[in-house]
């Protein structure tokens, strides 16, 4: 073999060795677990968070009586939302709680009407007054809406 052939062969061998080393240690980064910013492999950062955004939005509301408010709620998330409790607070901070509510389950991309009932002792729904309704789902996520 001549010197030119040996030099070219050495360059190819070094390149193949380097490429083989890179392949041996290459690992595809995986997505982080839902609601986590830590990667299962500390050498690779999180590339994205695969959690779908879960949200409920109020499309409209109506005060039916001083103790009954109807909310039209859209589940804009990717999974069903089973509602289990609600809390209503008036503008002075007085609160009514229904923490033992068997509310509906709202499928994804569906809007439904739900009635929020209060006992009328601490306060009542009044047109023009501000009320904050907080709805809790079965995963204990809270969604707050303000009416006025």
N, C-alpha and C. Protein backbone atom coordinates (compact mmCIF):
# COMPACT_ATOMS: atom_id res chain seq x y z
N UNK A 1 0.83 -1.18 0.00
CA UNK A 1 0.00 0.00 0.00
C UNK A 1 0.87 1.24 0.00
N UNK A 2 0.44 2.23 -0.71
CA UNK A 2 1.20 3.47 -0.71
C UNK A 2 0.72 4.39 0.39
N UNK A 3 1.45 5.48 0.58
CA UNK A 3 1.16 6.41 1.68
C UNK A 3 -0.20 7.10 1.50
N UNK A 4 -0.59 7.42 0.31
CA UNK A 4 -1.88 8.09 0.06
C UNK A 4 -3.04 7.16 0.43
N UNK A 5 -2.91 5.89 0.11
CA UNK A 5 -3.96 4.92 0.43
C UNK A 5 -4.06 4.74 1.94
N UNK A 6 -2.92 4.65 2.63
CA UNK A 6 -2.93 4.49 4.09
C UNK A 6 -3.55 5.72 4.77
N UNK A 7 -3.23 6.90 4.30
CA UNK A 7 -3.81 8.13 4.88
C UNK A 7 -5.32 8.17 4.70
N UNK A 8 -5.80 7.83 3.52
CA UNK A 8 -7.24 7.82 3.25
C UNK A 8 -7.94 6.76 4.09
N UNK A 9 -7.28 5.59 4.20
CA UNK A 9 -7.85 4.51 4.99
C UNK A 9 -7.93 4.91 6.46
N UNK A 10 -6.92 5.60 6.97
CA UNK A 10 -6.93 6.05 8.37
C UNK A 10 -8.06 7.04 8.61
N UNK A 11 -8.27 7.96 7.68
CA UNK A 11 -9.36 8.95 7.81
C UNK A 11 -10.71 8.25 7.83
N UNK A 12 -10.89 7.27 6.95
CA UNK A 12 -12.16 6.53 6.89
C UNK A 12 -12.37 5.75 8.18
N UNK A 13 -11.33 5.09 8.68
CA UNK A 13 -11.45 4.31 9.92
C UNK A 13 -11.78 5.21 11.12
N UNK A 14 -11.14 6.36 11.20
CA UNK A 14 -11.43 7.29 12.29
C UNK A 14 -12.88 7.79 12.17
N UNK A 15 -13.32 8.09 10.97
CA UNK A 15 -14.71 8.54 10.76
C UNK A 15 -15.71 7.46 11.14
N UNK A 16 -15.45 6.21 10.74
CA UNK A 16 -16.35 5.10 11.07
C UNK A 16 -16.38 4.89 12.58
N UNK A 17 -15.22 4.96 13.23
CA UNK A 17 -15.15 4.79 14.69
C UNK A 17 -15.93 5.90 15.40
N UNK A 18 -15.76 7.13 14.94
CA UNK A 18 -16.49 8.25 15.56
C UNK A 18 -17.99 8.10 15.36
N UNK A 19 -18.39 7.73 14.15
CA UNK A 19 -19.82 7.55 13.88
C UNK A 19 -20.39 6.40 14.71
N UNK A 20 -19.66 5.30 14.83
CA UNK A 20 -20.10 4.16 15.63
C UNK A 20 -20.23 4.52 17.10
N UNK A 21 -19.32 5.33 17.60
CA UNK A 21 -19.38 5.78 19.00
C UNK A 21 -20.61 6.65 19.22
N UNK A 22 -20.86 7.54 18.28
CA UNK A 22 -22.06 8.39 18.41
C UNK A 22 -23.33 7.55 18.39
N UNK A 23 -23.41 6.56 17.54
CA UNK A 23 -24.59 5.69 17.49
C UNK A 23 -24.75 4.88 18.77
N UNK A 24 -23.63 4.44 19.33
CA UNK A 24 -23.68 3.63 20.55
C UNK A 24 -24.24 4.42 21.72
N UNK A 25 -23.96 5.72 21.78
CA UNK A 25 -24.39 6.53 22.91
C UNK A 25 -25.61 7.40 22.62
N UNK A 26 -26.14 7.29 21.41
CA UNK A 26 -27.29 8.11 21.05
C UNK A 26 -28.55 7.54 21.71
N UNK A 27 -29.32 8.42 22.32
CA UNK A 27 -30.60 8.03 22.90
C UNK A 27 -31.61 9.11 22.55
N UNK A 28 -32.74 8.70 22.05
CA UNK A 28 -33.79 9.65 21.69
C UNK A 28 -34.40 10.22 22.96
N UNK A 29 -34.37 11.55 23.13
CA UNK A 29 -35.03 12.13 24.31
C UNK A 29 -36.52 11.79 24.29
N UNK A 30 -37.04 11.48 25.44
CA UNK A 30 -38.45 11.17 25.55
C UNK A 30 -39.18 12.34 26.17
N UNK A 31 -40.46 12.38 25.96
CA UNK A 31 -41.27 13.44 26.55
C UNK A 31 -41.33 13.24 28.05
N UNK A 32 -41.41 14.33 28.77
CA UNK A 32 -41.50 14.25 30.22
C UNK A 32 -42.88 13.74 30.63
N UNK A 33 -42.97 13.17 31.82
CA UNK A 33 -44.29 12.77 32.31
C UNK A 33 -45.21 13.97 32.41
N UNK A 34 -46.48 13.71 32.37
CA UNK A 34 -47.47 14.77 32.44
C UNK A 34 -47.27 15.62 33.69
N UNK A 35 -47.37 16.92 33.55
CA UNK A 35 -47.21 17.89 34.64
C UNK A 35 -45.86 17.81 35.32
N UNK A 36 -44.82 17.48 34.59
CA UNK A 36 -43.48 17.39 35.16
C UNK A 36 -42.50 18.10 34.25
N UNK A 37 -41.49 18.68 34.85
CA UNK A 37 -40.45 19.31 34.04
C UNK A 37 -39.15 18.53 34.14
N UNK A 38 -39.17 17.38 34.82
CA UNK A 38 -37.95 16.60 34.94
C UNK A 38 -38.00 15.40 34.00
N UNK A 39 -36.91 15.22 33.30
CA UNK A 39 -36.81 14.14 32.34
C UNK A 39 -36.46 12.84 33.06
N UNK A 40 -36.94 11.68 32.56
CA UNK A 40 -36.54 10.41 33.15
C UNK A 40 -35.04 10.15 32.99
N UNK A 41 -34.41 10.77 32.01
CA UNK A 41 -32.98 10.63 31.78
C UNK A 41 -32.34 11.99 32.03
N UNK A 42 -31.48 12.12 33.06
CA UNK A 42 -30.93 13.45 33.39
C UNK A 42 -30.03 14.04 32.33
N UNK A 43 -29.57 13.23 31.36
CA UNK A 43 -28.70 13.76 30.31
C UNK A 43 -29.49 14.47 29.21
N UNK A 44 -30.79 14.25 29.18
CA UNK A 44 -31.61 14.85 28.13
C UNK A 44 -32.70 15.71 28.75
N UNK A 45 -32.81 16.95 28.33
CA UNK A 45 -33.88 17.80 28.87
C UNK A 45 -35.23 17.39 28.30
N UNK A 46 -36.27 17.87 28.93
CA UNK A 46 -37.62 17.61 28.44
C UNK A 46 -37.78 18.28 27.08
N UNK A 47 -38.35 17.57 26.13
CA UNK A 47 -38.53 18.17 24.81
C UNK A 47 -39.91 18.80 24.67
N UNK A 48 -40.90 18.32 25.39
CA UNK A 48 -42.21 18.95 25.42
C UNK A 48 -43.03 18.29 26.52
N UNK A 49 -44.07 18.96 26.91
CA UNK A 49 -44.96 18.42 27.93
C UNK A 49 -46.19 17.88 27.22
N UNK A 50 -46.44 16.57 27.29
CA UNK A 50 -47.53 15.98 26.51
C UNK A 50 -48.92 16.18 27.12
N UNK A 51 -49.03 16.90 28.20
CA UNK A 51 -50.32 17.04 28.86
C UNK A 51 -51.27 17.90 28.03
N UNK A 52 -52.46 17.42 27.78
CA UNK A 52 -53.43 18.27 27.10
C UNK A 52 -53.92 19.36 28.05
N UNK A 53 -54.21 20.50 27.52
CA UNK A 53 -54.73 21.58 28.35
C UNK A 53 -56.19 21.30 28.66
N UNK A 54 -56.49 21.22 29.93
CA UNK A 54 -57.85 20.96 30.37
C UNK A 54 -58.48 22.29 30.79
N UNK A 55 -59.64 22.57 30.23
CA UNK A 55 -60.28 23.83 30.59
C UNK A 55 -61.79 23.75 30.41
N UNK A 56 -62.47 24.44 31.27
CA UNK A 56 -63.91 24.66 31.15
C UNK A 56 -64.10 26.16 30.96
N UNK A 57 -64.99 26.53 30.06
CA UNK A 57 -65.27 27.94 29.84
C UNK A 57 -66.77 28.18 29.91
N UNK A 58 -67.14 29.31 30.46
CA UNK A 58 -68.54 29.70 30.51
C UNK A 58 -68.89 30.43 29.23
N UNK A 59 -69.88 29.90 28.52
CA UNK A 59 -70.32 30.57 27.30
C UNK A 59 -71.37 31.63 27.61
N UNK A 60 -72.19 31.36 28.62
CA UNK A 60 -73.19 32.34 29.05
C UNK A 60 -73.70 31.93 30.43
N UNK A 61 -74.40 32.85 31.06
CA UNK A 61 -75.03 32.54 32.35
C UNK A 61 -76.33 33.32 32.45
N UNK A 62 -77.20 32.86 33.35
CA UNK A 62 -78.49 33.52 33.56
C UNK A 62 -78.90 33.35 35.02
N UNK A 63 -79.26 34.45 35.66
CA UNK A 63 -79.81 34.38 37.01
C UNK A 63 -81.30 34.09 36.86
N UNK A 64 -81.72 32.90 37.32
CA UNK A 64 -83.12 32.49 37.21
C UNK A 64 -83.95 33.00 38.38
N UNK A 65 -83.42 32.85 39.57
CA UNK A 65 -84.06 33.30 40.80
C UNK A 65 -82.95 33.76 41.74
N UNK A 66 -83.29 34.33 42.87
CA UNK A 66 -82.24 34.73 43.82
C UNK A 66 -81.40 33.56 44.35
N UNK A 67 -81.85 32.32 44.14
CA UNK A 67 -81.08 31.16 44.62
C UNK A 67 -80.70 30.19 43.51
N UNK A 68 -80.87 30.59 42.24
CA UNK A 68 -80.61 29.68 41.11
C UNK A 68 -79.94 30.45 39.98
N UNK A 69 -78.74 29.97 39.62
CA UNK A 69 -77.96 30.54 38.53
C UNK A 69 -77.69 29.41 37.53
N UNK A 70 -77.94 29.65 36.25
CA UNK A 70 -77.63 28.66 35.21
C UNK A 70 -76.37 29.09 34.48
N UNK A 71 -75.41 28.15 34.39
CA UNK A 71 -74.18 28.37 33.64
C UNK A 71 -74.19 27.46 32.41
N UNK A 72 -73.88 28.00 31.26
CA UNK A 72 -73.66 27.19 30.06
C UNK A 72 -72.15 27.03 29.94
N UNK A 73 -71.68 25.79 30.16
CA UNK A 73 -70.24 25.52 30.26
C UNK A 73 -69.80 24.63 29.11
N UNK A 74 -68.67 24.99 28.50
CA UNK A 74 -68.05 24.21 27.44
C UNK A 74 -66.81 23.52 27.98
N UNK A 75 -66.70 22.22 27.75
CA UNK A 75 -65.47 21.49 28.06
C UNK A 75 -64.57 21.61 26.84
N UNK A 76 -63.59 22.51 26.91
CA UNK A 76 -62.69 22.73 25.79
C UNK A 76 -61.44 21.86 25.88
N UNK A 77 -61.43 20.91 26.83
CA UNK A 77 -60.30 20.02 27.00
C UNK A 77 -60.42 18.76 26.18
N UNK A 78 -59.47 17.85 26.41
CA UNK A 78 -59.40 16.61 25.64
C UNK A 78 -59.98 15.41 26.38
N UNK A 79 -60.39 15.58 27.62
CA UNK A 79 -60.95 14.45 28.37
C UNK A 79 -62.23 14.88 29.08
N UNK A 80 -63.09 13.91 29.41
CA UNK A 80 -64.33 14.24 30.12
C UNK A 80 -64.03 14.87 31.48
N UNK A 81 -64.92 15.75 31.93
CA UNK A 81 -64.77 16.40 33.23
C UNK A 81 -65.98 16.04 34.08
N UNK A 82 -65.75 15.29 35.16
CA UNK A 82 -66.80 14.94 36.11
C UNK A 82 -66.80 16.00 37.21
N UNK A 83 -67.90 16.71 37.36
CA UNK A 83 -67.98 17.81 38.32
C UNK A 83 -68.46 17.28 39.67
N UNK A 84 -67.76 17.70 40.75
CA UNK A 84 -68.06 17.12 42.07
C UNK A 84 -68.38 18.15 43.14
N UNK A 85 -68.10 19.42 42.91
CA UNK A 85 -68.36 20.44 43.94
C UNK A 85 -68.41 21.81 43.28
N UNK A 86 -69.06 22.75 43.99
CA UNK A 86 -69.00 24.14 43.56
C UNK A 86 -69.06 25.05 44.77
N UNK A 87 -68.48 26.23 44.58
CA UNK A 87 -68.45 27.25 45.62
C UNK A 87 -68.85 28.56 44.97
N UNK A 88 -69.67 29.33 45.66
CA UNK A 88 -70.11 30.62 45.14
C UNK A 88 -69.76 31.67 46.17
N UNK A 89 -69.11 32.74 45.69
CA UNK A 89 -68.72 33.82 46.59
C UNK A 89 -69.29 35.12 46.04
N UNK A 90 -69.85 35.94 46.92
CA UNK A 90 -70.36 37.23 46.45
C UNK A 90 -69.26 38.28 46.53
N UNK A 91 -69.59 39.51 46.14
CA UNK A 91 -68.57 40.56 46.06
C UNK A 91 -68.05 40.99 47.43
N UNK A 92 -68.74 40.66 48.50
CA UNK A 92 -68.25 41.00 49.85
C UNK A 92 -67.43 39.88 50.46
N UNK A 93 -67.31 38.74 49.76
CA UNK A 93 -66.50 37.63 50.25
C UNK A 93 -67.28 36.54 50.95
N UNK A 94 -68.60 36.71 51.08
CA UNK A 94 -69.41 35.67 51.72
C UNK A 94 -69.51 34.50 50.74
N UNK A 95 -69.35 33.29 51.27
CA UNK A 95 -69.30 32.12 50.39
C UNK A 95 -70.37 31.09 50.74
N UNK A 96 -70.89 30.45 49.69
CA UNK A 96 -71.77 29.28 49.82
C UNK A 96 -71.02 28.10 49.22
N UNK A 97 -71.04 26.96 49.90
CA UNK A 97 -70.31 25.79 49.42
C UNK A 97 -71.25 24.60 49.24
N UNK A 98 -71.09 23.91 48.14
CA UNK A 98 -71.75 22.63 47.92
C UNK A 98 -70.64 21.64 47.55
N UNK A 99 -70.03 21.07 48.59
CA UNK A 99 -68.88 20.19 48.37
C UNK A 99 -69.28 18.73 48.23
N UNK A 100 -70.57 18.45 48.23
CA UNK A 100 -71.07 17.08 48.10
C UNK A 100 -72.02 16.99 46.92
N UNK A 101 -71.66 17.61 45.83
CA UNK A 101 -72.51 17.72 44.65
C UNK A 101 -72.21 16.58 43.69
N UNK A 102 -73.22 15.95 43.20
CA UNK A 102 -73.06 14.95 42.14
C UNK A 102 -73.40 15.62 40.81
N UNK A 103 -72.45 16.39 40.33
CA UNK A 103 -72.67 17.12 39.09
C UNK A 103 -72.53 16.24 37.87
N UNK A 104 -72.76 16.81 36.72
CA UNK A 104 -72.68 16.03 35.48
C UNK A 104 -71.23 15.78 35.06
N UNK A 105 -71.07 14.87 34.13
CA UNK A 105 -69.79 14.66 33.46
C UNK A 105 -69.92 15.28 32.07
N UNK A 106 -69.00 16.18 31.75
CA UNK A 106 -69.06 16.89 30.47
C UNK A 106 -68.05 16.26 29.52
N UNK A 107 -68.52 15.70 28.41
CA UNK A 107 -67.58 15.13 27.42
C UNK A 107 -66.75 16.24 26.77
N UNK A 108 -65.61 15.90 26.16
CA UNK A 108 -64.81 16.90 25.46
C UNK A 108 -65.59 17.54 24.32
N UNK A 109 -65.37 18.83 24.13
CA UNK A 109 -65.97 19.61 23.05
C UNK A 109 -67.49 19.68 23.12
N UNK A 110 -68.04 19.55 24.33
CA UNK A 110 -69.49 19.60 24.52
C UNK A 110 -69.81 20.72 25.51
N UNK A 111 -70.88 21.45 25.23
CA UNK A 111 -71.37 22.47 26.15
C UNK A 111 -72.67 21.99 26.78
N UNK A 112 -72.80 22.20 28.08
CA UNK A 112 -74.03 21.83 28.78
C UNK A 112 -74.44 22.98 29.70
N UNK A 113 -75.69 22.94 30.13
CA UNK A 113 -76.20 23.90 31.11
C UNK A 113 -76.26 23.22 32.46
N UNK A 114 -75.77 23.91 33.48
CA UNK A 114 -75.87 23.39 34.84
C UNK A 114 -76.47 24.47 35.73
N UNK A 115 -77.26 24.03 36.70
CA UNK A 115 -77.86 24.94 37.66
C UNK A 115 -77.03 24.98 38.92
N UNK A 116 -76.71 26.18 39.35
CA UNK A 116 -76.00 26.40 40.61
C UNK A 116 -77.03 26.90 41.59
N UNK A 117 -77.29 26.10 42.61
CA UNK A 117 -78.29 26.43 43.61
C UNK A 117 -77.62 26.83 44.92
N UNK A 118 -78.12 27.89 45.55
CA UNK A 118 -77.64 28.29 46.87
C UNK A 118 -78.84 28.34 47.81
N UNK A 119 -78.57 28.38 49.11
CA UNK A 119 -79.68 28.35 50.07
C UNK A 119 -80.31 29.72 50.31
N UNK A 120 -79.65 30.81 49.92
CA UNK A 120 -80.23 32.14 50.06
C UNK A 120 -80.13 32.72 51.46
N UNK A 121 -79.44 32.06 52.36
CA UNK A 121 -79.31 32.58 53.74
C UNK A 121 -78.22 33.64 53.84
N UNK A 122 -77.02 33.31 53.34
CA UNK A 122 -75.90 34.24 53.47
C UNK A 122 -75.99 35.37 52.45
N UNK A 123 -76.40 35.05 51.25
CA UNK A 123 -76.57 36.03 50.19
C UNK A 123 -77.45 35.42 49.12
N UNK A 124 -77.84 36.23 48.15
CA UNK A 124 -78.64 35.77 47.01
C UNK A 124 -78.02 36.29 45.72
N UNK A 125 -78.36 35.63 44.62
CA UNK A 125 -77.93 36.12 43.31
C UNK A 125 -78.76 37.36 42.98
N UNK A 126 -78.08 38.42 42.59
CA UNK A 126 -78.76 39.64 42.20
C UNK A 126 -78.13 40.17 40.92
N UNK A 127 -78.96 40.52 39.98
CA UNK A 127 -78.47 41.11 38.73
C UNK A 127 -77.68 42.37 39.05
N UNK A 128 -76.52 42.51 38.42
CA UNK A 128 -75.67 43.68 38.65
C UNK A 128 -74.64 43.47 39.75
N UNK A 129 -74.81 42.43 40.56
CA UNK A 129 -73.83 42.12 41.61
C UNK A 129 -72.85 41.10 41.07
N UNK A 130 -71.63 41.15 41.57
CA UNK A 130 -70.59 40.23 41.13
C UNK A 130 -70.60 38.96 41.99
N UNK A 131 -70.50 37.81 41.33
CA UNK A 131 -70.41 36.52 42.01
C UNK A 131 -69.31 35.71 41.33
N UNK A 132 -68.54 34.99 42.12
CA UNK A 132 -67.53 34.09 41.58
C UNK A 132 -67.96 32.67 41.87
N UNK A 133 -68.10 31.88 40.81
CA UNK A 133 -68.47 30.48 40.94
C UNK A 133 -67.22 29.66 40.63
N UNK A 134 -66.84 28.81 41.58
CA UNK A 134 -65.69 27.92 41.39
C UNK A 134 -66.22 26.49 41.33
N UNK A 135 -65.92 25.82 40.23
CA UNK A 135 -66.36 24.43 40.03
C UNK A 135 -65.15 23.53 40.16
N UNK A 136 -65.33 22.41 40.87
CA UNK A 136 -64.25 21.46 41.10
C UNK A 136 -64.59 20.16 40.38
N UNK A 137 -63.59 19.59 39.68
CA UNK A 137 -63.82 18.31 38.99
C UNK A 137 -63.24 17.16 39.81
N UNK A 138 -63.41 15.95 39.32
CA UNK A 138 -63.01 14.76 40.06
C UNK A 138 -61.50 14.62 40.25
N UNK A 139 -60.70 15.38 39.51
CA UNK A 139 -59.26 15.39 39.72
C UNK A 139 -58.86 16.58 40.59
N UNK A 140 -59.84 17.26 41.15
CA UNK A 140 -59.67 18.41 42.03
C UNK A 140 -59.10 19.64 41.34
N UNK A 141 -59.22 19.68 40.01
CA UNK A 141 -58.92 20.92 39.30
C UNK A 141 -60.05 21.89 39.57
N UNK A 142 -59.73 23.16 39.71
CA UNK A 142 -60.74 24.19 39.99
C UNK A 142 -60.83 25.16 38.82
N UNK A 143 -62.06 25.51 38.49
CA UNK A 143 -62.33 26.43 37.39
C UNK A 143 -63.22 27.54 37.94
N UNK A 144 -62.74 28.76 37.92
CA UNK A 144 -63.47 29.90 38.49
C UNK A 144 -64.06 30.78 37.39
N UNK A 145 -65.31 31.20 37.61
CA UNK A 145 -66.02 32.06 36.66
C UNK A 145 -66.62 33.21 37.45
N UNK A 146 -66.61 34.39 36.86
CA UNK A 146 -67.20 35.56 37.52
C UNK A 146 -68.41 36.03 36.73
N UNK A 147 -69.47 36.27 37.45
CA UNK A 147 -70.68 36.82 36.84
C UNK A 147 -70.88 38.22 37.43
N UNK A 148 -71.60 39.06 36.72
CA UNK A 148 -71.89 40.39 37.28
C UNK A 148 -73.15 40.94 36.67
